[in-house]
Amino acid sequence: MQRLLAVTTMAFACLTALPAKADMDAVFTNTVVSRYPDGGWVKHWFNRDGTYAAQFSDGRRLSARWSVNGEKVCLTNIRPNMLIPRFCTTMVDAGVGETWQSRDPLGRRVQNVLVAGREP
């Protein structure tokens, strides 16, 4: 089953994903994992209350607020403070188990996968 996901990348390789408004439940019950060529990864979680959390392979954690703005998803109130106070990206099609390529704001390639369930 296809899900509309928004994929965004933040400074220091933070990536997020979010389904379209009509199918929000998918993002609340799944995990997006972003993998970098050097073996690093980031796990991303969106919550119904508008909060977002990420965990990096090196143990760092990030939190933010998310919102949908038209066909984009935006992160604000990013903690710890990043190089940018707000980041938005356009939505793309993807489903559980599917992978897709993207780039972070520094131009680095990442491969993303939507994983069923909320991996810790």
N, C-alpha and C. Protein backbone atom coordinates (compact mmCIF):
# COMPACT_ATOMS: atom_id res chain seq x y z
N MET A 1 0.85 -1.17 0.00
CA MET A 1 0.00 0.00 0.00
C MET A 1 0.90 1.23 0.00
N GLN A 2 0.59 2.16 -0.87
CA GLN A 2 1.42 3.36 -0.97
C GLN A 2 1.01 4.38 0.08
N ARG A 3 1.99 5.11 0.56
CA ARG A 3 1.78 6.19 1.52
C ARG A 3 2.43 7.44 0.93
N LEU A 4 1.79 8.58 1.08
CA LEU A 4 2.45 9.82 0.70
C LEU A 4 3.31 10.23 1.88
N LEU A 5 4.57 10.41 1.63
CA LEU A 5 5.51 10.77 2.68
C LEU A 5 6.21 12.06 2.34
N ALA A 6 6.52 12.80 3.32
CA ALA A 6 7.36 13.97 3.13
C ALA A 6 8.73 13.60 3.65
N VAL A 7 9.74 13.93 2.90
CA VAL A 7 11.09 13.62 3.32
C VAL A 7 11.87 14.91 3.42
N THR A 8 12.44 15.14 4.53
CA THR A 8 13.25 16.33 4.72
C THR A 8 14.57 15.97 5.36
N THR A 9 15.57 16.72 5.09
CA THR A 9 16.82 16.50 5.77
C THR A 9 17.24 17.77 6.47
N MET A 10 17.82 17.62 7.62
CA MET A 10 18.26 18.73 8.44
C MET A 10 19.78 18.75 8.44
N ALA A 11 20.36 19.86 8.88
CA ALA A 11 21.81 19.91 9.06
C ALA A 11 22.22 18.76 9.95
N PHE A 12 23.39 18.23 9.75
CA PHE A 12 23.92 17.08 10.49
C PHE A 12 23.12 15.82 10.23
N ALA A 13 22.57 15.71 9.05
CA ALA A 13 22.00 14.47 8.54
C ALA A 13 20.71 14.03 9.20
N CYS A 14 19.86 14.93 9.60
CA CYS A 14 18.57 14.56 10.17
C CYS A 14 17.53 14.52 9.06
N LEU A 15 16.82 13.41 8.93
CA LEU A 15 15.82 13.27 7.89
C LEU A 15 14.49 12.94 8.53
N THR A 16 13.40 13.47 7.97
CA THR A 16 12.08 13.20 8.50
C THR A 16 11.18 12.69 7.40
N ALA A 17 10.07 12.08 7.77
CA ALA A 17 9.09 11.65 6.78
C ALA A 17 7.70 11.76 7.38
N LEU A 18 6.72 12.02 6.54
CA LEU A 18 5.37 12.23 6.99
C LEU A 18 4.39 11.94 5.88
N PRO A 19 3.33 11.14 6.13
CA PRO A 19 2.34 10.90 5.09
C PRO A 19 1.42 12.10 4.89
N ALA A 20 0.71 12.09 3.81
CA ALA A 20 -0.23 13.17 3.52
C ALA A 20 -1.31 13.23 4.58
N LYS A 21 -1.98 14.38 4.68
CA LYS A 21 -3.00 14.61 5.70
C LYS A 21 -4.05 13.50 5.75
N ALA A 22 -4.44 12.98 4.60
CA ALA A 22 -5.49 11.97 4.55
C ALA A 22 -5.06 10.64 5.15
N ASP A 23 -3.78 10.43 5.34
CA ASP A 23 -3.27 9.15 5.83
C ASP A 23 -2.24 9.36 6.93
N MET A 24 -2.53 10.20 7.89
CA MET A 24 -1.60 10.53 8.95
C MET A 24 -1.26 9.36 9.85
N ASP A 25 -2.17 8.40 10.01
CA ASP A 25 -1.92 7.28 10.92
C ASP A 25 -0.65 6.52 10.56
N ALA A 26 -0.29 6.46 9.29
CA ALA A 26 0.89 5.70 8.87
C ALA A 26 2.17 6.23 9.52
N VAL A 27 2.31 7.53 9.63
CA VAL A 27 3.53 8.08 10.19
C VAL A 27 3.59 7.89 11.70
N PHE A 28 2.46 7.80 12.36
CA PHE A 28 2.44 7.65 13.81
C PHE A 28 2.74 6.23 14.25
N THR A 29 2.70 5.27 13.33
CA THR A 29 2.91 3.87 13.68
C THR A 29 4.14 3.27 13.02
N ASN A 30 4.92 4.06 12.30
CA ASN A 30 6.10 3.56 11.59
C ASN A 30 7.33 4.41 11.87
N THR A 31 8.46 3.94 11.39
CA THR A 31 9.75 4.60 11.59
C THR A 31 10.40 4.83 10.24
N VAL A 32 10.96 5.99 10.04
CA VAL A 32 11.77 6.24 8.85
C VAL A 32 13.23 6.11 9.27
N VAL A 33 13.97 5.32 8.53
CA VAL A 33 15.40 5.16 8.79
C VAL A 33 16.16 5.71 7.59
N SER A 34 17.06 6.63 7.87
CA SER A 34 17.92 7.23 6.84
C SER A 34 19.32 6.65 7.01
N ARG A 35 19.88 6.14 5.91
CA ARG A 35 21.21 5.54 5.96
C ARG A 35 22.17 6.33 5.08
N TYR A 36 23.38 6.54 5.61
CA TYR A 36 24.43 7.27 4.90
C TYR A 36 25.49 6.29 4.41
N PRO A 37 26.19 6.64 3.32
CA PRO A 37 27.21 5.75 2.76
C PRO A 37 28.29 5.35 3.77
N ASP A 38 28.55 6.18 4.77
CA ASP A 38 29.59 5.86 5.76
C ASP A 38 29.10 4.91 6.85
N GLY A 39 27.83 4.45 6.74
CA GLY A 39 27.28 3.53 7.72
C GLY A 39 26.44 4.19 8.79
N GLY A 40 26.47 5.50 8.88
CA GLY A 40 25.65 6.21 9.86
C GLY A 40 24.18 6.14 9.50
N TRP A 41 23.32 6.30 10.50
CA TRP A 41 21.88 6.27 10.27
C TRP A 41 21.18 7.24 11.22
N VAL A 42 19.94 7.55 10.87
CA VAL A 42 19.07 8.37 11.70
C VAL A 42 17.68 7.74 11.67
N LYS A 43 17.06 7.58 12.84
CA LYS A 43 15.69 7.10 12.94
C LYS A 43 14.80 8.29 13.26
N HIS A 44 13.61 8.34 12.64
CA HIS A 44 12.71 9.49 12.76
C HIS A 44 11.33 9.04 13.21
N TRP A 45 10.73 9.81 14.15
CA TRP A 45 9.38 9.52 14.64
C TRP A 45 8.56 10.79 14.71
N PHE A 46 7.32 10.72 14.21
CA PHE A 46 6.35 11.80 14.32
C PHE A 46 5.26 11.36 15.28
N ASN A 47 4.78 12.28 16.10
CA ASN A 47 3.74 11.98 17.08
C ASN A 47 2.48 12.80 16.77
N ARG A 48 1.34 12.24 17.16
CA ARG A 48 0.04 12.88 16.90
C ARG A 48 -0.05 14.30 17.46
N ASP A 49 0.66 14.57 18.53
CA ASP A 49 0.57 15.89 19.18
C ASP A 49 1.43 16.96 18.50
N GLY A 50 2.05 16.64 17.35
CA GLY A 50 2.86 17.62 16.62
C GLY A 50 4.32 17.60 17.01
N THR A 51 4.74 16.65 17.84
CA THR A 51 6.15 16.57 18.20
C THR A 51 6.87 15.58 17.29
N TYR A 52 8.16 15.78 17.17
CA TYR A 52 9.03 14.96 16.33
C TYR A 52 10.26 14.61 17.16
N ALA A 53 10.80 13.41 16.94
CA ALA A 53 12.04 12.99 17.60
C ALA A 53 12.90 12.25 16.60
N ALA A 54 14.21 12.36 16.77
CA ALA A 54 15.17 11.63 15.93
C ALA A 54 16.28 11.11 16.82
N GLN A 55 16.81 9.95 16.44
CA GLN A 55 17.96 9.37 17.12
C GLN A 55 19.01 9.05 16.07
N PHE A 56 20.25 9.47 16.33
CA PHE A 56 21.37 9.25 15.43
C PHE A 56 22.17 8.04 15.86
N SER A 57 22.87 7.42 14.91
CA SER A 57 23.66 6.23 15.21
C SER A 57 24.76 6.50 16.23
N ASP A 58 25.18 7.75 16.39
CA ASP A 58 26.22 8.06 17.37
C ASP A 58 25.63 8.39 18.75
N GLY A 59 24.31 8.22 18.90
CA GLY A 59 23.67 8.44 20.20
C GLY A 59 23.01 9.80 20.37
N ARG A 60 23.30 10.75 19.49
CA ARG A 60 22.66 12.06 19.60
C ARG A 60 21.17 11.94 19.38
N ARG A 61 20.42 12.86 19.98
CA ARG A 61 18.97 12.92 19.81
C ARG A 61 18.58 14.34 19.43
N LEU A 62 17.45 14.45 18.74
CA LEU A 62 16.94 15.74 18.30
C LEU A 62 15.44 15.74 18.50
N SER A 63 14.88 16.89 18.83
CA SER A 63 13.43 17.01 18.92
C SER A 63 13.01 18.28 18.19
N ALA A 64 11.74 18.33 17.79
CA ALA A 64 11.21 19.49 17.07
C ALA A 64 9.69 19.42 17.10
N ARG A 65 9.07 20.42 16.51
CA ARG A 65 7.63 20.44 16.24
C ARG A 65 7.47 20.29 14.74
N TRP A 66 6.46 19.55 14.29
CA TRP A 66 6.21 19.41 12.86
C TRP A 66 4.83 19.96 12.53
N SER A 67 4.69 20.40 11.28
CA SER A 67 3.40 20.85 10.76
C SER A 67 3.40 20.69 9.25
N VAL A 68 2.20 20.54 8.68
CA VAL A 68 2.05 20.46 7.24
C VAL A 68 1.66 21.83 6.74
N ASN A 69 2.36 22.30 5.72
CA ASN A 69 2.10 23.60 5.12
C ASN A 69 1.91 23.37 3.62
N GLY A 70 0.65 23.25 3.17
CA GLY A 70 0.39 22.94 1.77
C GLY A 70 0.86 21.54 1.46
N GLU A 71 1.78 21.41 0.50
CA GLU A 71 2.34 20.11 0.14
C GLU A 71 3.73 19.90 0.74
N LYS A 72 4.00 20.61 1.81
CA LYS A 72 5.30 20.50 2.48
C LYS A 72 5.10 20.17 3.95
N VAL A 73 6.10 19.55 4.53
CA VAL A 73 6.16 19.35 5.97
C VAL A 73 7.31 20.20 6.48
N CYS A 74 7.08 20.84 7.63
CA CYS A 74 8.08 21.74 8.18
C CYS A 74 8.40 21.37 9.62
N LEU A 75 9.67 21.50 9.98
CA LEU A 75 10.11 21.33 11.36
C LEU A 75 10.49 22.69 11.91
N THR A 76 10.05 22.95 13.15
CA THR A 76 10.40 24.18 13.86
C THR A 76 10.74 23.82 15.30
N ASN A 77 11.19 24.80 16.08
CA ASN A 77 11.56 24.58 17.48
C ASN A 77 12.53 23.41 17.61
N ILE A 78 13.51 23.36 16.76
CA ILE A 78 14.47 22.26 16.71
C ILE A 78 15.42 22.36 17.90
N ARG A 79 15.55 21.24 18.65
CA ARG A 79 16.42 21.18 19.82
C ARG A 79 17.27 19.93 19.76
N PRO A 80 18.57 19.99 20.02
CA PRO A 80 19.29 21.23 20.27
C PRO A 80 19.26 22.12 19.03
N ASN A 81 19.52 23.40 19.24
CA ASN A 81 19.48 24.34 18.13
C ASN A 81 20.39 23.88 17.00
N MET A 82 19.85 23.96 15.78
CA MET A 82 20.60 23.58 14.60
C MET A 82 21.04 24.85 13.87
N LEU A 83 21.66 24.66 12.72
CA LEU A 83 22.10 25.80 11.93
C LEU A 83 20.93 26.59 11.36
N ILE A 84 19.77 25.95 11.26
CA ILE A 84 18.59 26.61 10.72
C ILE A 84 17.44 26.48 11.72
N PRO A 85 16.61 27.52 11.89
CA PRO A 85 15.51 27.46 12.85
C PRO A 85 14.27 26.75 12.32
N ARG A 86 14.15 26.62 11.00
CA ARG A 86 12.98 26.01 10.37
C ARG A 86 13.44 25.32 9.09
N PHE A 87 12.87 24.15 8.82
CA PHE A 87 13.21 23.45 7.58
C PHE A 87 11.95 22.81 7.02
N CYS A 88 11.69 23.02 5.73
CA CYS A 88 10.52 22.47 5.04
C CYS A 88 10.96 21.70 3.81
N THR A 89 10.16 20.69 3.42
CA THR A 89 10.43 19.93 2.21
C THR A 89 9.13 19.46 1.59
N THR A 90 9.17 19.18 0.31
CA THR A 90 8.02 18.73 -0.46
C THR A 90 7.76 17.24 -0.22
N MET A 91 6.49 16.83 -0.26
CA MET A 91 6.11 15.44 -0.06
C MET A 91 6.41 14.61 -1.30
N VAL A 92 6.73 13.32 -1.08
CA VAL A 92 6.98 12.35 -2.15
C VAL A 92 6.22 11.06 -1.83
N ASP A 93 5.99 10.21 -2.87
CA ASP A 93 5.31 8.93 -2.67
C ASP A 93 6.28 7.87 -2.18
N ALA A 94 5.84 7.09 -1.17
CA ALA A 94 6.60 5.93 -0.69
C ALA A 94 5.67 5.08 0.15
N GLY A 95 6.00 3.82 0.33
CA GLY A 95 5.20 2.92 1.14
C GLY A 95 6.10 2.14 2.09
N VAL A 96 5.49 1.46 3.06
CA VAL A 96 6.25 0.66 4.02
C VAL A 96 7.12 -0.33 3.25
N GLY A 97 8.40 -0.36 3.60
CA GLY A 97 9.36 -1.25 2.94
C GLY A 97 10.04 -0.65 1.73
N GLU A 98 9.51 0.45 1.21
CA GLU A 98 10.12 1.09 0.04
C GLU A 98 11.31 1.96 0.45
N THR A 99 12.26 2.07 -0.46
CA THR A 99 13.42 2.93 -0.25
C THR A 99 13.40 4.05 -1.28
N TRP A 100 14.03 5.15 -0.94
CA TRP A 100 14.16 6.28 -1.85
C TRP A 100 15.41 7.07 -1.48
N GLN A 101 15.98 7.71 -2.47
CA GLN A 101 17.18 8.52 -2.29
C GLN A 101 16.80 9.97 -2.06
N SER A 102 17.60 10.65 -1.27
CA SER A 102 17.48 12.09 -1.12
C SER A 102 18.84 12.65 -0.74
N ARG A 103 18.89 13.94 -0.55
CA ARG A 103 20.13 14.62 -0.13
C ARG A 103 19.83 15.48 1.09
N ASP A 104 20.83 15.60 1.94
CA ASP A 104 20.67 16.50 3.07
C ASP A 104 21.04 17.92 2.65
N PRO A 105 20.85 18.91 3.52
CA PRO A 105 21.14 20.30 3.13
C PRO A 105 22.59 20.55 2.74
N LEU A 106 23.48 19.65 3.15
CA LEU A 106 24.88 19.79 2.77
C LEU A 106 25.20 19.06 1.47
N GLY A 107 24.17 18.48 0.83
CA GLY A 107 24.35 17.82 -0.45
C GLY A 107 24.71 16.35 -0.35
N ARG A 108 24.79 15.81 0.86
CA ARG A 108 25.15 14.40 1.03
C ARG A 108 23.96 13.51 0.69
N ARG A 109 24.26 12.39 0.02
CA ARG A 109 23.22 11.43 -0.35
C ARG A 109 22.84 10.58 0.85
N VAL A 110 21.53 10.30 0.95
CA VAL A 110 21.02 9.39 1.96
C VAL A 110 20.05 8.44 1.29
N GLN A 111 19.99 7.22 1.80
CA GLN A 111 18.97 6.26 1.36
C GLN A 111 18.01 6.08 2.52
N ASN A 112 16.73 6.22 2.24
CA ASN A 112 15.70 6.17 3.26
C ASN A 112 14.85 4.93 3.06
N VAL A 113 14.31 4.42 4.17
CA VAL A 113 13.36 3.32 4.11
C VAL A 113 12.30 3.56 5.18
N LEU A 114 11.06 3.28 4.82
CA LEU A 114 9.98 3.36 5.79
C LEU A 114 9.82 1.96 6.39
N VAL A 115 10.08 1.84 7.68
CA VAL A 115 10.08 0.58 8.39
C VAL A 115 8.79 0.46 9.18
N ALA A 116 8.12 -0.68 9.07
CA ALA A 116 6.89 -0.92 9.81
C ALA A 116 7.19 -0.93 11.31
N GLY A 117 6.37 -0.26 12.08
CA GLY A 117 6.51 -0.23 13.53
C GLY A 117 7.36 0.94 14.00
N ARG A 118 7.36 1.11 15.31
CA ARG A 118 8.11 2.20 15.95
C ARG A 118 9.36 1.64 16.58
N GLU A 119 10.43 1.54 15.80
CA GLU A 119 11.70 1.03 16.32
C GLU A 119 12.25 2.00 17.35
N PRO A 120 12.76 1.48 18.44
CA PRO A 120 13.39 2.37 19.44
C PRO A 120 14.75 2.87 18.99
